[in-house]
Protein backbone atom coordinates (compact mmCIF):
# COMPACT_ATOMS: atom_id res chain seq x y z
CA MET A 1 75.36 38.50 31.89
CA CYS A 2 74.15 34.91 31.72
CA LEU A 3 75.61 31.45 31.86
CA ARG A 4 75.50 28.91 29.10
CA SER A 5 76.71 25.36 29.37
CA ARG A 6 77.50 22.46 27.11
CA ALA A 7 77.40 18.84 28.21
CA LEU A 8 79.86 16.31 26.79
CA LEU A 9 79.98 12.60 27.53
CA ALA A 10 83.53 11.46 28.21
CA GLY A 11 83.90 7.90 29.39
CA SER A 12 81.50 7.35 32.24
CA THR A 13 81.42 10.99 33.32
CA LEU A 14 79.37 13.84 31.98
CA LEU A 15 81.56 16.92 31.57
CA LEU A 16 79.97 20.31 31.91
CA THR A 17 81.66 23.29 30.33
CA THR A 18 80.31 26.71 31.13
CA ALA A 19 80.55 29.90 29.13
CA ALA A 20 79.49 33.43 29.96
CA CYS A 21 77.27 35.31 27.52
CA MET A 22 78.83 38.58 26.53
CA SER A 23 75.56 40.38 25.76
CA GLY A 24 72.53 41.01 27.98
CA ARG A 25 70.11 40.49 25.09
CA THR A 26 68.40 37.15 24.92
CA SER A 27 68.55 37.13 21.13
CA ASP A 28 72.35 37.56 21.31
CA SER A 29 72.91 35.00 24.07
CA ARG A 30 74.18 32.40 21.60
CA ASN A 31 77.44 34.39 21.22
CA VAL A 32 79.52 32.92 24.02
CA GLN A 33 83.14 32.71 25.06
CA SER A 34 84.42 29.92 27.29
CA THR A 35 85.45 31.24 30.69
CA GLU A 36 85.54 28.28 33.05
CA SER A 37 87.08 24.84 33.20
CA PRO A 38 84.90 21.71 32.90
CA ILE A 39 82.78 20.69 35.91
CA ARG A 40 82.17 16.97 36.47
CA ILE A 41 78.69 15.76 37.29
CA ALA A 42 77.40 12.22 37.50
CA SER A 43 76.60 10.58 34.17
CA THR A 44 73.52 9.08 35.80
CA ALA A 45 71.58 12.35 35.41
CA ASN A 46 68.21 11.21 34.09
CA THR A 47 66.75 14.03 32.06
CA GLY A 48 63.52 12.05 31.70
CA GLY A 49 62.97 13.26 28.16
CA PHE A 50 63.66 16.92 29.04
CA HIS A 51 65.94 18.20 26.26
CA CYS A 52 68.76 20.16 27.89
CA ASP A 53 70.53 22.84 25.87
CA GLY A 54 72.78 23.40 28.87
CA PHE A 55 73.14 22.63 32.55
CA VAL A 56 72.70 25.28 35.25
CA SER A 57 74.14 23.55 38.29
CA ALA A 58 76.36 20.69 39.25
CA LYS A 59 74.85 19.96 42.66
CA PRO A 60 74.37 16.37 43.77
CA GLY A 61 71.34 16.55 41.47
CA TRP A 62 71.02 18.75 38.40
CA SER A 63 69.04 21.50 36.73
CA CYS A 64 69.18 22.55 33.12
CA PHE A 65 67.55 24.84 30.60
CA GLN A 66 66.29 24.69 27.04
CA TYR A 67 65.62 27.39 24.50
CA VAL A 68 61.98 27.88 23.50
CA GLY A 69 61.85 29.36 20.03
CA LYS A 70 64.21 32.27 19.44
CA TYR A 71 63.54 34.26 22.63
CA GLY A 72 62.29 31.98 25.43
CA VAL A 73 64.12 29.95 28.05
CA ARG A 74 62.56 27.02 29.95
CA CYS A 75 64.17 25.84 33.19
CA SER A 76 63.91 22.22 34.30
CA GLY A 77 63.99 23.05 38.00
CA TYR A 78 66.19 21.13 40.39
CA VAL A 79 66.11 17.34 40.02
CA ALA A 80 67.54 15.36 42.95
CA PRO A 81 69.68 12.28 42.28
CA GLY A 82 67.56 9.33 41.19
CA GLU A 83 64.44 11.46 40.56
CA THR A 84 62.77 12.00 37.21
CA PRO A 85 61.91 15.55 36.15
CA ASN A 86 58.32 16.75 36.00
CA ALA A 87 56.66 15.47 32.81
CA VAL A 88 54.70 18.72 32.46
CA PRO A 89 56.90 21.31 30.71
CA ALA A 90 57.67 24.32 32.89
CA PRO A 91 56.57 27.70 31.58
CA ALA A 92 59.18 29.59 29.57
CA SER A 93 60.38 33.06 30.55
CA TYR A 94 61.08 35.90 28.13
CA SER A 95 62.98 39.16 28.28
CA VAL A 96 60.63 42.14 28.53
CA ARG A 97 62.73 43.66 25.74
CA ASP A 98 61.40 40.95 23.40
CA ILE A 99 57.70 41.74 23.98
CA GLY A 100 55.96 42.03 20.62
CA ARG A 101 58.41 39.82 18.74
CA PRO A 102 57.21 36.67 16.95
CA GLY A 103 57.02 33.68 19.29
CA VAL A 104 56.80 35.78 22.46
CA PRO A 105 53.40 35.50 24.19
CA ALA A 106 51.12 38.47 23.60
CA LEU A 107 50.38 40.42 26.77
CA SER A 108 47.10 41.99 27.80
CA THR A 109 46.86 45.78 28.11
CA ASP A 110 47.08 45.50 31.91
CA GLU A 111 50.16 43.27 31.69
CA GLN A 112 51.86 45.69 29.27
CA ARG A 113 51.06 48.58 31.61
CA THR A 114 52.55 46.62 34.53
CA VAL A 115 55.77 46.00 32.59
CA LEU A 116 56.07 49.69 31.66
CA THR A 117 55.55 50.75 35.28
CA ILE A 118 58.24 48.33 36.47
CA GLU A 119 60.66 49.41 33.71
CA ARG A 120 60.31 53.04 34.84
CA ARG A 121 61.06 52.07 38.44
CA ILE A 122 63.82 49.49 37.82
CA ARG A 123 66.45 50.14 35.18
CA SER A 124 67.68 46.66 34.30
CA ARG A 125 68.49 44.82 31.08
CA ALA A 126 67.64 41.53 32.85
CA LEU A 127 63.88 42.05 33.40
CA ARG A 128 61.94 38.92 32.42
CA PHE A 129 58.37 37.70 32.54
CA THR A 130 56.68 34.34 32.69
CA ILE A 131 53.09 33.19 32.91
CA LEU A 132 52.49 30.55 35.58
CA PRO A 133 48.81 30.85 35.89
CA GLU A 134 49.57 34.42 37.02
CA PHE A 135 51.67 36.97 35.16
CA VAL A 136 55.10 37.32 36.83
CA VAL A 137 57.83 39.93 36.26
CA PHE A 138 61.27 39.43 37.83
CA ASP A 139 64.77 40.87 37.48
CA ALA A 140 66.94 37.91 36.41
CA THR A 141 70.29 39.47 37.31
CA SER A 142 71.90 36.01 37.73
CA GLY A 143 70.40 34.51 34.57
CA PRO A 144 66.98 33.16 33.62
CA CYS A 145 67.42 29.82 35.45
CA ALA A 146 69.22 30.83 38.64
CA ASP A 147 68.80 28.26 41.40
CA PHE A 148 69.57 30.18 44.59
CA ALA A 149 67.30 30.79 47.55
CA PRO A 150 65.04 32.64 47.98
CA GLY A 151 65.08 33.35 44.22
CA TYR A 152 64.09 36.51 42.42
CA GLU A 153 61.62 38.93 43.98
CA VAL A 154 58.38 39.11 42.00
CA LEU A 155 58.22 42.77 41.02
CA ASN A 156 54.50 42.88 40.29
CA ALA A 157 53.38 41.08 43.47
CA ASP A 158 51.23 42.65 46.17
CA GLN A 159 53.72 44.71 48.18
CA SER A 160 52.30 43.46 51.50
CA HIS A 161 53.99 40.07 50.85
CA SER A 162 57.52 39.03 49.97
CA VAL A 163 56.87 36.86 46.92
CA PHE A 164 59.73 35.09 45.14
CA TYR A 165 60.25 33.00 42.00
CA GLU A 166 63.04 30.38 41.81
CA PRO A 167 63.14 29.31 38.16
CA GLY A 168 66.15 27.02 38.65
CA GLU A 169 64.65 25.25 41.68
CA ASN A 170 60.90 25.17 41.01
CA PRO A 171 59.77 27.02 37.87
CA TYR A 172 56.13 25.97 38.37
CA ARG A 173 55.14 28.19 41.30
CA LEU A 174 55.86 31.22 43.47
CA HIS A 175 56.61 31.16 47.18
CA THR A 176 56.24 33.73 49.93
CA ILE A 177 58.54 34.51 52.80
CA THR A 178 57.30 36.03 56.02
CA TRP A 179 59.93 38.22 57.69
């Protein structure tokens, strides 16, 4: 399940309507049914040239996503009130089920082997990958741009560390947590 939003300008307020995707497939995620009432967020959200196909959160700041081709999703990361988003586009993430399709980055043999190993261990329709500088596989059970802490566990990280990826907060890097 994923969330999809639509922004509408009404007067001086930006209205955010959210819909839940009925299919787990990224290619089918455009089939949505409205499930929630509009959420109001400030109309002063400066997207700084970042094209938003939908908003992820209605915090005091904002975060949004955009589709990349037919299968990818790029998250803006969290943008605090009055700040301008990063001018460098964040890397897109893709469902592992879309590997090999046109427009999805080709993976090396080692990366493909890593994905297969993870798929055998974790049965999930929400497995995604991105390429920061490093190859990252995560289980996006709350959607590709979730903005909660600590984020998604990186499934192909060295198991001696707790490495996480927060695509809705900071899609540019990983962070570690020491327990």
